[in-house]
C-alpha atoms as a PDB file:
ATOM      1  CA  MET A   1     104.476 108.099 100.795  1.00  0.00           C
ATOM      2  CA  GLY A   2     102.957 108.910 104.440  1.00  0.00           C
ATOM      3  CA  ARG A   3     100.189 106.514 105.652  1.00  0.00           C
ATOM      4  CA  ALA A   4      98.504 109.138 105.648  1.00  0.00           C
ATOM      5  CA  GLU A   5      98.391 109.603 101.258  1.00  0.00           C
ATOM      6  CA  ALA A   6      97.777 105.792 101.125  1.00  0.00           C
ATOM      7  CA  LEU A   7      94.221 107.294 101.940  1.00  0.00           C
ATOM      8  CA  LEU A   8      94.158 109.267  99.735  1.00  0.00           C
ATOM      9  CA  GLY A   9      91.045 108.599  96.712  1.00  0.00           C
ATOM     10  CA  THR A  10      89.475 106.562  99.314  1.00  0.00           C
ATOM     11  CA  SER A  11      85.961 106.690 100.728  1.00  0.00           C
ATOM     12  CA  LEU A  12      84.572 106.709 104.218  1.00  0.00           C
ATOM     13  CA  GLU A  13      80.769 104.982 104.597  1.00  0.00           C
ATOM     14  CA  SER A  14      80.245 105.652 100.422  1.00  0.00           C
ATOM     15  CA  ARG A  15      79.827 109.183 100.867  1.00  0.00           C
ATOM     16  CA  TYR A  16      82.827 110.831 101.639  1.00  0.00           C
ATOM     17  CA  ARG A  17      86.214 110.772  99.756  1.00  0.00           C
ATOM     18  CA  LEU A  18      90.096 111.714 100.833  1.00  0.00           C
ATOM     19  CA  ASP A  19      91.680 114.328  98.216  1.00  0.00           C
ATOM     20  CA  ALA A  20      94.117 115.746  99.899  1.00  0.00           C
ATOM     21  CA  VAL A  21      96.326 115.705 103.225  1.00  0.00           C
ATOM     22  CA  VAL A  22      95.805 119.092 105.123  1.00  0.00           C
ATOM     23  CA  THR A  23      98.914 117.914 108.229  1.00  0.00           C
ATOM     24  CA  GLU A  24      99.598 114.537 109.337  1.00  0.00           C
ATOM     25  CA  SER A  25     100.680 114.469 112.889  1.00  0.00           C
ATOM     26  CA  PRO A  26     101.682 111.570 115.384  1.00  0.00           C
ATOM     27  CA  ASP A  27      97.824 111.643 116.573  1.00  0.00           C
ATOM     28  CA  LEU A  28      96.102 113.134 114.009  1.00  0.00           C
ATOM     29  CA  PHE A  29      95.444 113.060 110.569  1.00  0.00           C
ATOM     30  CA  VAL A  30      93.443 116.159 108.144  1.00  0.00           C
ATOM     31  CA  PHE A  31      92.066 115.480 105.312  1.00  0.00           C
ATOM     32  CA  SER A  32      90.900 117.712 102.612  1.00  0.00           C
ATOM     33  CA  GLY A  33      87.991 116.316 100.308  1.00  0.00           C
ATOM     34  CA  GLU A  34      84.274 115.894  99.266  1.00  0.00           C
ATOM     35  CA  ASP A  35      80.799 114.888 100.153  1.00  0.00           C
ATOM     36  CA  THR A  36      79.911 113.064  97.383  1.00  0.00           C
ATOM     37  CA  GLN A  37      76.328 113.100  97.786  1.00  0.00           C
ATOM     38  CA  GLY A  38      76.643 116.713  98.062  1.00  0.00           C
ATOM     39  CA  THR A  39      73.911 119.100  98.559  1.00  0.00           C
ATOM     40  CA  PRO A  40      69.498 118.603  97.023  1.00  0.00           C
ATOM     41  CA  ASN A  41      70.440 120.100  93.931  1.00  0.00           C
ATOM     42  CA  GLY A  42      73.577 118.173  92.799  1.00  0.00           C
ATOM     43  CA  SER A  43      76.484 119.738  93.980  1.00  0.00           C
ATOM     44  CA  SER A  44      79.827 118.543  95.549  1.00  0.00           C
ATOM     45  CA  LEU A  45      80.170 119.573  99.646  1.00  0.00           C
ATOM     46  CA  PRO A  46      83.559 120.414  99.964  1.00  0.00           C
ATOM     47  CA  ILE A  47      85.145 119.075 103.703  1.00  0.00           C
ATOM     48  CA  VAL A  48      87.476 118.548 106.267  1.00  0.00           C
ATOM     49  CA  ILE A  49      87.792 115.448 108.017  1.00  0.00           C
ATOM     50  CA  ARG A  50      90.001 114.603 110.942  1.00  0.00           C
ATOM     51  CA  MET A  51      91.226 110.787 111.758  1.00  0.00           C
ATOM     52  CA  PRO A  52      92.899 109.889 114.497  1.00  0.00           C
ATOM     53  CA  ARG A  53      96.151 107.853 113.727  1.00  0.00           C
ATOM     54  CA  ALA A  54      95.794 103.924 114.473  1.00  0.00           C
ATOM     55  CA  PRO A  55      99.629 103.183 116.475  1.00  0.00           C
ATOM     56  CA  ARG A  56     100.772 100.741 114.874  1.00  0.00           C
ATOM     57  CA  GLY A  57     100.880  97.696 116.465  1.00  0.00           C
ATOM     58  CA  MET A  58      96.846  97.576 116.758  1.00  0.00           C
ATOM     59  CA  SER A  59      95.083  94.542 115.649  1.00  0.00           C
ATOM     60  CA  ILE A  60      91.999  94.796 113.246  1.00  0.00           C
ATOM     61  CA  GLN A  61      89.624  94.083 116.116  1.00  0.00           C
ATOM     62  CA  GLU A  62      90.975  97.031 117.443  1.00  0.00           C
ATOM     63  CA  ILE A  63      91.110  99.506 114.303  1.00  0.00           C
ATOM     64  CA  ASP A  64      87.111  98.069 113.615  1.00  0.00           C
ATOM     65  CA  GLU A  65      86.466  99.353 116.930  1.00  0.00           C
ATOM     66  CA  ALA A  66      88.077 102.317 116.936  1.00  0.00           C
ATOM     67  CA  TYR A  67      87.010 103.610 113.725  1.00  0.00           C
ATOM     68  CA  ALA A  68      83.355 102.376 114.480  1.00  0.00           C
ATOM     69  CA  LYS A  69      83.356 104.666 117.994  1.00  0.00           C
ATOM     70  CA  PHE A  70      85.010 108.077 115.876  1.00  0.00           C
ATOM     71  CA  ALA A  71      81.802 107.406 113.482  1.00  0.00           C
ATOM     72  CA  GLU A  72      79.419 107.627 116.233  1.00  0.00           C
ATOM     73  CA  ILE A  73      81.109 110.736 117.198  1.00  0.00           C
ATOM     74  CA  GLY A  74      81.124 112.043 114.504  1.00  0.00           C
ATOM     75  CA  ARG A  75      77.792 111.141 113.625  1.00  0.00           C
ATOM     76  CA  GLU A  76      76.430 112.812 116.313  1.00  0.00           C
ATOM     77  CA  MET A  77      78.234 116.074 115.517  1.00  0.00           C
ATOM     78  CA  LEU A  78      76.664 115.933 111.901  1.00  0.00           C
ATOM     79  CA  PRO A  79      73.976 118.268 112.756  1.00  0.00           C
ATOM     80  CA  MET A  80      75.470 120.309 114.910  1.00  0.00           C
ATOM     81  CA  THR A  81      78.320 121.063 112.084  1.00  0.00           C
ATOM     82  CA  VAL A  82      76.301 121.767 109.925  1.00  0.00           C
ATOM     83  CA  GLN A  83      73.764 124.179 111.600  1.00  0.00           C
ATOM     84  CA  LEU A  84      77.643 126.021 112.165  1.00  0.00           C
ATOM     85  CA  ASN A  85      78.336 126.157 108.016  1.00  0.00           C
ATOM     86  CA  ASN A  86      75.005 127.247 107.648  1.00  0.00           C
ATOM     87  CA  VAL A  87      75.331 129.834 110.732  1.00  0.00           C
ATOM     88  CA  ILE A  88      78.657 131.359 108.963  1.00  0.00           C
ATOM     89  CA  ASN A  89      77.437 131.274 104.766  1.00  0.00           C
ATOM     90  CA  THR A  90      75.200 133.232 105.827  1.00  0.00           C
END
């Protein structure tokens, strides 16, 4: 089992479930999954999550700090992603 496969089935921020590995490279994992909070009508939304790999040997503190920065960037990009999806799907 690869490092990415070990993460399947987990949830990020109690919302985004990792269902399948799309690709695993030396620098990056890409997963497909679901936004379990979904839409106002209750249906879930398919998602793609790009996650930088933590180099082996990083301390837990370094990983936590890197994750916090990655999550912050993701939250900043979310409104732009939603707008783009709305344009594509109309």
